[in-house]
């Protein structure tokens, strides 16, 4: 049996949901994800920049000692600089989303990627997971995770002894 609308918790929930914005459709978020990833894969910096919110909250998790562009960034200017820093050290060879899960304004994307390390010409291949949140057609939150141990070994060109 459904809960009575007179219960306090239910009333609060109804009041909160009526004052909040309407959820974004999964299709709209999926289109934004596709646009963002296709723009990045093409090297279309203007399109990518247009999809990033001025106040974006961005974190790429990884060892800063090996990948100085990892860590938290705040705002579009810092994020665009980070993308430029990555491009200085690595040439994008492949960025293919394999799995995209969308719910309202959020998305999780598993991608198969390859970057050529400019200094050594080594190709680093790995899978990467991004968690994204959009608002008003722009990316406002970005979290990136990968098997950093594997990627560090590839970047250094040797096995790490642990």
C-alpha atoms as a PDB file:
ATOM      1  CA  UNK A   1       0.000   0.000   0.000  1.00  0.00           C
ATOM      2  CA  UNK A   2       1.436   3.465  -0.878  1.00  0.00           C
ATOM      3  CA  UNK A   3       2.392   5.742   2.025  1.00  0.00           C
ATOM      4  CA  UNK A   4      -0.130   8.267   3.194  1.00  0.00           C
ATOM      5  CA  UNK A   5       0.519  11.738   1.726  1.00  0.00           C
ATOM      6  CA  UNK A   6      -0.066  13.173   5.180  1.00  0.00           C
ATOM      7  CA  UNK A   7       3.139  11.679   6.633  1.00  0.00           C
ATOM      8  CA  UNK A   8       5.765  14.336   7.399  1.00  0.00           C
ATOM      9  CA  UNK A   9       8.535  12.790   5.290  1.00  0.00           C
ATOM     10  CA  UNK A  10       6.225  12.383   2.302  1.00  0.00           C
ATOM     11  CA  UNK A  11       4.998  15.952   2.594  1.00  0.00           C
ATOM     12  CA  UNK A  12       8.573  17.255   2.678  1.00  0.00           C
ATOM     13  CA  UNK A  13       9.432  15.176  -0.376  1.00  0.00           C
ATOM     14  CA  UNK A  14       6.433  16.484  -2.297  1.00  0.00           C
ATOM     15  CA  UNK A  15       7.238  20.064  -1.341  1.00  0.00           C
ATOM     16  CA  UNK A  16      10.876  19.678  -2.360  1.00  0.00           C
ATOM     17  CA  UNK A  17      10.110  18.047  -5.678  1.00  0.00           C
ATOM     18  CA  UNK A  18       7.561  20.685  -6.666  1.00  0.00           C
ATOM     19  CA  UNK A  19      10.025  23.528  -6.015  1.00  0.00           C
ATOM     20  CA  UNK A  20      12.912  21.888  -7.897  1.00  0.00           C
ATOM     21  CA  UNK A  21      13.617  22.127 -11.597  1.00  0.00           C
ATOM     22  CA  UNK A  22      12.184  19.481 -13.878  1.00  0.00           C
ATOM     23  CA  UNK A  23      14.636  16.649 -14.564  1.00  0.00           C
ATOM     24  CA  UNK A  24      16.509  16.662 -17.836  1.00  0.00           C
ATOM     25  CA  UNK A  25      15.533  13.892 -20.206  1.00  0.00           C
ATOM     26  CA  UNK A  26      17.890  10.973 -20.675  1.00  0.00           C
ATOM     27  CA  UNK A  27      17.847  11.646 -24.435  1.00  0.00           C
ATOM     28  CA  UNK A  28      18.981  15.256 -23.953  1.00  0.00           C
ATOM     29  CA  UNK A  29      21.841  14.176 -21.667  1.00  0.00           C
ATOM     30  CA  UNK A  30      22.826  11.367 -24.050  1.00  0.00           C
ATOM     31  CA  UNK A  31      23.007  13.907 -26.913  1.00  0.00           C
ATOM     32  CA  UNK A  32      25.240  16.203 -24.823  1.00  0.00           C
ATOM     33  CA  UNK A  33      27.544  13.293 -23.956  1.00  0.00           C
ATOM     34  CA  UNK A  34      27.777  12.273 -27.618  1.00  0.00           C
ATOM     35  CA  UNK A  35      28.478  15.865 -28.670  1.00  0.00           C
ATOM     36  CA  UNK A  36      31.177  16.310 -25.994  1.00  0.00           C
ATOM     37  CA  UNK A  37      33.011  13.053 -26.738  1.00  0.00           C
ATOM     38  CA  UNK A  38      32.794  13.426 -30.513  1.00  0.00           C
ATOM     39  CA  UNK A  39      34.096  16.998 -30.235  1.00  0.00           C
ATOM     40  CA  UNK A  40      37.010  15.884 -28.060  1.00  0.00           C
ATOM     41  CA  UNK A  41      37.872  12.960 -30.362  1.00  0.00           C
ATOM     42  CA  UNK A  42      37.864  15.329 -33.392  1.00  0.00           C
ATOM     43  CA  UNK A  43      40.038  17.862 -31.588  1.00  0.00           C
ATOM     44  CA  UNK A  44      37.258  20.448 -31.856  1.00  0.00           C
ATOM     45  CA  UNK A  45      38.371  22.661 -28.967  1.00  0.00           C
ATOM     46  CA  UNK A  46      35.708  25.297 -29.630  1.00  0.00           C
ATOM     47  CA  UNK A  47      32.878  22.762 -29.416  1.00  0.00           C
ATOM     48  CA  UNK A  48      34.274  21.217 -26.243  1.00  0.00           C
ATOM     49  CA  UNK A  49      34.698  24.673 -24.689  1.00  0.00           C
ATOM     50  CA  UNK A  50      31.106  25.571 -25.570  1.00  0.00           C
ATOM     51  CA  UNK A  51      29.876  22.520 -23.631  1.00  0.00           C
ATOM     52  CA  UNK A  52      31.815  23.340 -20.438  1.00  0.00           C
ATOM     53  CA  UNK A  53      30.189  25.511 -17.789  1.00  0.00           C
ATOM     54  CA  UNK A  54      32.111  28.543 -16.515  1.00  0.00           C
ATOM     55  CA  UNK A  55      31.970  27.155 -12.947  1.00  0.00           C
ATOM     56  CA  UNK A  56      32.745  23.495 -13.706  1.00  0.00           C
ATOM     57  CA  UNK A  57      33.958  21.260 -10.875  1.00  0.00           C
ATOM     58  CA  UNK A  58      36.544  18.925 -12.460  1.00  0.00           C
ATOM     59  CA  UNK A  59      38.713  16.147 -11.024  1.00  0.00           C
ATOM     60  CA  UNK A  60      40.971  13.682 -12.822  1.00  0.00           C
ATOM     61  CA  UNK A  61      42.202  11.126 -10.308  1.00  0.00           C
ATOM     62  CA  UNK A  62      45.822  10.106 -10.780  1.00  0.00           C
ATOM     63  CA  UNK A  63      49.383  10.573  -9.559  1.00  0.00           C
ATOM     64  CA  UNK A  64      50.355  14.216 -10.093  1.00  0.00           C
ATOM     65  CA  UNK A  65      54.068  13.264 -10.048  1.00  0.00           C
ATOM     66  CA  UNK A  66      53.617  11.357 -13.322  1.00  0.00           C
ATOM     67  CA  UNK A  67      50.596  13.159 -14.772  1.00  0.00           C
ATOM     68  CA  UNK A  68      50.788  16.806 -13.636  1.00  0.00           C
ATOM     69  CA  UNK A  69      47.454  17.581 -15.283  1.00  0.00           C
ATOM     70  CA  UNK A  70      45.549  15.354 -12.814  1.00  0.00           C
ATOM     71  CA  UNK A  71      43.873  16.618  -9.679  1.00  0.00           C
ATOM     72  CA  UNK A  72      41.051  19.060  -9.037  1.00  0.00           C
ATOM     73  CA  UNK A  73      40.318  22.064 -11.226  1.00  0.00           C
ATOM     74  CA  UNK A  74      37.670  24.717 -10.839  1.00  0.00           C
ATOM     75  CA  UNK A  75      36.225  26.794 -13.656  1.00  0.00           C
ATOM     76  CA  UNK A  76      36.320  26.666 -17.417  1.00  0.00           C
ATOM     77  CA  UNK A  77      39.656  28.473 -17.738  1.00  0.00           C
ATOM     78  CA  UNK A  78      41.474  25.918 -15.567  1.00  0.00           C
ATOM     79  CA  UNK A  79      39.834  22.982 -17.349  1.00  0.00           C
ATOM     80  CA  UNK A  80      40.694  24.283 -20.816  1.00  0.00           C
ATOM     81  CA  UNK A  81      44.283  24.824 -19.650  1.00  0.00           C
ATOM     82  CA  UNK A  82      44.352  21.244 -18.352  1.00  0.00           C
ATOM     83  CA  UNK A  83      43.161  19.919 -21.719  1.00  0.00           C
ATOM     84  CA  UNK A  84      45.882  21.997 -23.421  1.00  0.00           C
ATOM     85  CA  UNK A  85      48.477  20.615 -20.978  1.00  0.00           C
ATOM     86  CA  UNK A  86      47.431  17.053 -21.810  1.00  0.00           C
ATOM     87  CA  UNK A  87      47.723  17.825 -25.535  1.00  0.00           C
ATOM     88  CA  UNK A  88      51.278  19.164 -25.043  1.00  0.00           C
ATOM     89  CA  UNK A  89      52.448  15.842 -23.611  1.00  0.00           C
ATOM     90  CA  UNK A  90      50.127  13.375 -25.355  1.00  0.00           C
ATOM     91  CA  UNK A  91      48.639  13.117 -28.825  1.00  0.00           C
ATOM     92  CA  UNK A  92      45.153  11.672 -28.844  1.00  0.00           C
ATOM     93  CA  UNK A  93      45.006   8.574 -30.992  1.00  0.00           C
ATOM     94  CA  UNK A  94      41.657   7.099 -29.917  1.00  0.00           C
ATOM     95  CA  UNK A  95      38.833   8.022 -27.555  1.00  0.00           C
ATOM     96  CA  UNK A  96      35.921   5.631 -28.053  1.00  0.00           C
ATOM     97  CA  UNK A  97      33.028   5.492 -25.605  1.00  0.00           C
ATOM     98  CA  UNK A  98      32.101   1.811 -25.170  1.00  0.00           C
ATOM     99  CA  UNK A  99      29.370   2.134 -22.581  1.00  0.00           C
ATOM    100  CA  UNK A 100      27.223   5.142 -21.757  1.00  0.00           C
ATOM    101  CA  UNK A 101      24.745   5.052 -18.884  1.00  0.00           C
ATOM    102  CA  UNK A 102      22.467   8.058 -18.503  1.00  0.00           C
ATOM    103  CA  UNK A 103      20.002   9.052 -15.826  1.00  0.00           C
ATOM    104  CA  UNK A 104      18.436  12.503 -15.957  1.00  0.00           C
ATOM    105  CA  UNK A 105      21.305  15.057 -15.938  1.00  0.00           C
ATOM    106  CA  UNK A 106      24.038  12.516 -15.115  1.00  0.00           C
ATOM    107  CA  UNK A 107      26.081  10.123 -17.210  1.00  0.00           C
ATOM    108  CA  UNK A 108      28.735   7.461 -16.687  1.00  0.00           C
ATOM    109  CA  UNK A 109      30.981   6.751 -19.665  1.00  0.00           C
ATOM    110  CA  UNK A 110      33.454   3.876 -20.061  1.00  0.00           C
ATOM    111  CA  UNK A 111      35.868   4.602 -22.906  1.00  0.00           C
ATOM    112  CA  UNK A 112      38.684   2.792 -24.674  1.00  0.00           C
ATOM    113  CA  UNK A 113      41.465   5.331 -25.217  1.00  0.00           C
ATOM    114  CA  UNK A 114      44.937   5.587 -26.661  1.00  0.00           C
ATOM    115  CA  UNK A 115      47.377   8.472 -26.361  1.00  0.00           C
ATOM    116  CA  UNK A 116      50.867   8.762 -27.847  1.00  0.00           C
ATOM    117  CA  UNK A 117      53.384  10.116 -25.366  1.00  0.00           C
ATOM    118  CA  UNK A 118      55.100  12.830 -27.405  1.00  0.00           C
ATOM    119  CA  UNK A 119      58.479  12.589 -25.591  1.00  0.00           C
ATOM    120  CA  UNK A 120      58.907   8.811 -26.043  1.00  0.00           C
ATOM    121  CA  UNK A 121      56.513   7.952 -28.898  1.00  0.00           C
ATOM    122  CA  UNK A 122      55.046   5.209 -26.646  1.00  0.00           C
ATOM    123  CA  UNK A 123      51.350   4.527 -27.094  1.00  0.00           C
ATOM    124  CA  UNK A 124      49.402   4.267 -23.857  1.00  0.00           C
ATOM    125  CA  UNK A 125      46.187   2.266 -24.201  1.00  0.00           C
ATOM    126  CA  UNK A 126      43.699   1.935 -21.379  1.00  0.00           C
ATOM    127  CA  UNK A 127      40.104   2.210 -20.331  1.00  0.00           C
ATOM    128  CA  UNK A 128      38.844   5.270 -18.565  1.00  0.00           C
ATOM    129  CA  UNK A 129      35.613   6.000 -16.700  1.00  0.00           C
ATOM    130  CA  UNK A 130      34.051   9.443 -16.494  1.00  0.00           C
ATOM    131  CA  UNK A 131      31.134  10.535 -14.361  1.00  0.00           C
ATOM    132  CA  UNK A 132      29.446  13.677 -15.670  1.00  0.00           C
ATOM    133  CA  UNK A 133      26.669  16.028 -14.646  1.00  0.00           C
ATOM    134  CA  UNK A 134      25.073  18.607 -16.914  1.00  0.00           C
ATOM    135  CA  UNK A 135      22.989  21.704 -16.252  1.00  0.00           C
ATOM    136  CA  UNK A 136      21.426  23.969 -18.863  1.00  0.00           C
ATOM    137  CA  UNK A 137      23.199  22.111 -21.663  1.00  0.00           C
ATOM    138  CA  UNK A 138      26.681  22.435 -20.143  1.00  0.00           C
ATOM    139  CA  UNK A 139      29.011  20.155 -18.234  1.00  0.00           C
ATOM    140  CA  UNK A 140      29.112  21.268 -14.583  1.00  0.00           C
ATOM    141  CA  UNK A 141      30.792  18.278 -12.920  1.00  0.00           C
ATOM    142  CA  UNK A 142      33.431  15.836 -14.188  1.00  0.00           C
ATOM    143  CA  UNK A 143      35.143  12.943 -12.403  1.00  0.00           C
ATOM    144  CA  UNK A 144      37.661  10.696 -14.143  1.00  0.00           C
ATOM    145  CA  UNK A 145      39.008   7.340 -12.980  1.00  0.00           C
ATOM    146  CA  UNK A 146      41.341   4.804 -14.557  1.00  0.00           C
ATOM    147  CA  UNK A 147      43.713   2.039 -13.551  1.00  0.00           C
ATOM    148  CA  UNK A 148      46.475   4.538 -12.811  1.00  0.00           C
ATOM    149  CA  UNK A 149      48.963   1.819 -11.855  1.00  0.00           C
ATOM    150  CA  UNK A 150      48.741   0.374 -15.373  1.00  0.00           C
ATOM    151  CA  UNK A 151      48.910   3.790 -17.042  1.00  0.00           C
ATOM    152  CA  UNK A 152      51.929   4.853 -14.954  1.00  0.00           C
ATOM    153  CA  UNK A 153      53.784   1.682 -16.004  1.00  0.00           C
ATOM    154  CA  UNK A 154      52.998   2.438 -19.643  1.00  0.00           C
ATOM    155  CA  UNK A 155      54.070   6.075 -19.298  1.00  0.00           C
ATOM    156  CA  UNK A 156      57.339   5.139 -17.580  1.00  0.00           C
ATOM    157  CA  UNK A 157      57.974   2.253 -19.962  1.00  0.00           C
ATOM    158  CA  UNK A 158      58.737  -0.234 -17.202  1.00  0.00           C
ATOM    159  CA  UNK A 159      57.091  -2.484 -14.636  1.00  0.00           C
ATOM    160  CA  UNK A 160      56.777  -1.083 -11.143  1.00  0.00           C
ATOM    161  CA  UNK A 161      58.074  -3.326  -8.386  1.00  0.00           C
ATOM    162  CA  UNK A 162      55.779  -3.382  -5.388  1.00  0.00           C
END
